[in-house]
Amino acid sequence: MEDTKKTLYIPVGIKTRPEYFDGFGKTELRQSTLICLLGGGMDLLAFLFTQNISVCVLAMFVIIAGSVMMSTKDQTNLSAVDQVKNMIHFARSQKNYPYVALDEWKSR
């Protein structure tokens, strides 16, 4: 009798949600769209005050590219925005124990 062991094959790198390109799915698209709309509103206000279209167009391109870059996830499934959120959460969770030096030779 032959003892055959069945092995389980677990594929690596399978995405659980559809993505438009690597690391950029529907939720990242929503985040980028919201940032672009807010940035576009501020850019429109800047145009109304300065009347300089070239600077405003350049600023809008930077806002669009920056929002996509900041919300795209890498191999660790974290984006730059997620990492900043984690750093803020970690900094808030740390306790502060101030050290008070006492003279050991004095009586208490």
Protein backbone atom coordinates (compact mmCIF):
# COMPACT_ATOMS: atom_id res chain seq x y z
CA MET A 1 0.00 0.00 0.00
CA GLU A 2 1.25 3.39 -0.89
CA ASP A 3 0.96 6.20 1.61
CA THR A 4 0.49 9.34 -0.39
CA LYS A 5 0.35 12.63 1.39
CA LYS A 6 -1.77 15.32 -0.06
CA THR A 7 -0.08 18.67 0.05
CA LEU A 8 -1.93 21.91 0.26
CA TYR A 9 -0.87 24.57 -2.21
CA ILE A 10 -1.40 28.12 -0.95
CA PRO A 11 -0.80 30.72 -3.66
CA VAL A 12 1.08 33.86 -2.70
CA GLY A 13 0.20 37.36 -3.82
CA ILE A 14 -3.52 36.89 -4.38
CA LYS A 15 -5.41 40.15 -3.96
CA THR A 16 -8.64 40.07 -1.97
CA ARG A 17 -10.09 43.08 -3.74
CA PRO A 18 -9.92 44.32 -7.32
CA GLU A 19 -7.35 47.00 -8.05
CA TYR A 20 -6.94 49.41 -10.94
CA PHE A 21 -3.18 49.05 -10.70
CA ASP A 22 -0.91 47.48 -8.10
CA GLY A 23 -1.83 48.91 -4.69
CA PHE A 24 -4.55 51.27 -5.93
CA GLY A 25 -8.14 50.10 -5.62
CA LYS A 26 -11.57 51.59 -5.16
CA THR A 27 -10.97 52.93 -1.63
CA GLU A 28 -7.73 54.63 -2.67
CA LEU A 29 -9.54 56.13 -5.65
CA ARG A 30 -12.15 57.60 -3.31
CA GLN A 31 -9.45 59.05 -1.05
CA SER A 32 -7.59 60.55 -4.00
CA THR A 33 -10.79 61.98 -5.47
CA LEU A 34 -11.70 63.62 -2.17
CA ILE A 35 -8.22 65.11 -1.80
CA CYS A 36 -8.30 66.35 -5.41
CA LEU A 37 -11.69 67.99 -4.91
CA LEU A 38 -10.54 69.75 -1.74
CA GLY A 39 -7.27 70.75 -3.38
CA GLY A 40 -9.14 71.94 -6.46
CA GLY A 41 -11.33 74.16 -4.31
CA MET A 42 -8.29 75.70 -2.65
CA ASP A 43 -6.64 76.04 -6.05
CA LEU A 44 -9.71 77.86 -7.39
CA LEU A 45 -9.58 80.27 -4.45
CA ALA A 46 -5.88 80.85 -5.10
CA PHE A 47 -6.67 81.58 -8.76
CA LEU A 48 -9.35 84.09 -7.82
CA PHE A 49 -6.85 86.00 -5.69
CA THR A 50 -3.73 85.73 -7.87
CA GLN A 51 -5.16 85.47 -11.42
CA ASN A 52 -2.11 83.36 -12.35
CA ILE A 53 -3.33 80.33 -14.28
CA SER A 54 0.03 78.64 -14.83
CA VAL A 55 0.79 78.37 -11.11
CA CYS A 56 -2.71 77.08 -10.39
CA VAL A 57 -2.54 74.44 -13.14
CA LEU A 58 0.86 73.29 -11.89
CA ALA A 59 -0.46 73.16 -8.32
CA MET A 60 -3.42 71.05 -9.44
CA PHE A 61 -1.11 68.57 -11.20
CA VAL A 62 1.00 68.33 -8.05
CA ILE A 63 -2.13 67.77 -5.93
CA ILE A 64 -3.36 64.98 -8.21
CA ALA A 65 0.02 63.22 -8.41
CA GLY A 66 0.65 63.63 -4.69
CA SER A 67 -2.73 62.25 -3.69
CA VAL A 68 -2.27 59.16 -5.85
CA MET A 69 1.27 58.58 -4.57
CA MET A 70 0.30 59.05 -0.92
CA SER A 71 -2.67 56.67 -1.07
CA THR A 72 -1.08 53.85 -3.11
CA LYS A 73 -0.28 50.82 -0.95
CA ASP A 74 3.04 48.98 -1.16
CA GLN A 75 3.95 45.31 -0.61
CA THR A 76 3.26 45.59 3.13
CA ASN A 77 -0.30 46.77 2.36
CA LEU A 78 0.37 50.19 3.89
CA SER A 79 0.25 53.55 2.19
CA ALA A 80 2.10 56.67 3.31
CA VAL A 81 -1.13 57.97 4.86
CA ASP A 82 -1.57 54.71 6.79
CA GLN A 83 1.99 54.90 8.09
CA VAL A 84 1.48 58.46 9.32
CA LYS A 85 -1.76 57.38 11.04
CA ASN A 86 0.12 54.52 12.73
CA MET A 87 2.89 56.86 13.89
CA ILE A 88 0.37 59.31 15.37
CA HIS A 89 -1.48 56.48 17.11
CA PHE A 90 1.79 55.12 18.52
CA ALA A 91 2.91 58.55 19.75
CA ARG A 92 -0.41 59.10 21.51
CA SER A 93 -0.34 55.67 23.14
CA GLN A 94 3.07 56.14 24.76
CA LYS A 95 3.14 56.85 28.48
CA ASN A 96 5.39 59.48 30.00
CA TYR A 97 7.04 58.64 33.32
CA PRO A 98 9.09 61.62 34.44
CA TYR A 99 12.14 60.71 36.49
CA VAL A 100 12.69 62.56 39.73
CA ALA A 101 16.20 62.25 41.10
CA LEU A 102 16.38 62.08 44.90
CA ASP A 103 19.43 62.45 47.06
CA GLU A 104 20.07 58.99 48.49
CA TRP A 105 22.02 60.23 51.51
CA LYS A 106 19.36 62.53 52.88
CA SER A 107 16.89 61.12 55.32
CA ARG A 108 13.33 61.05 54.17
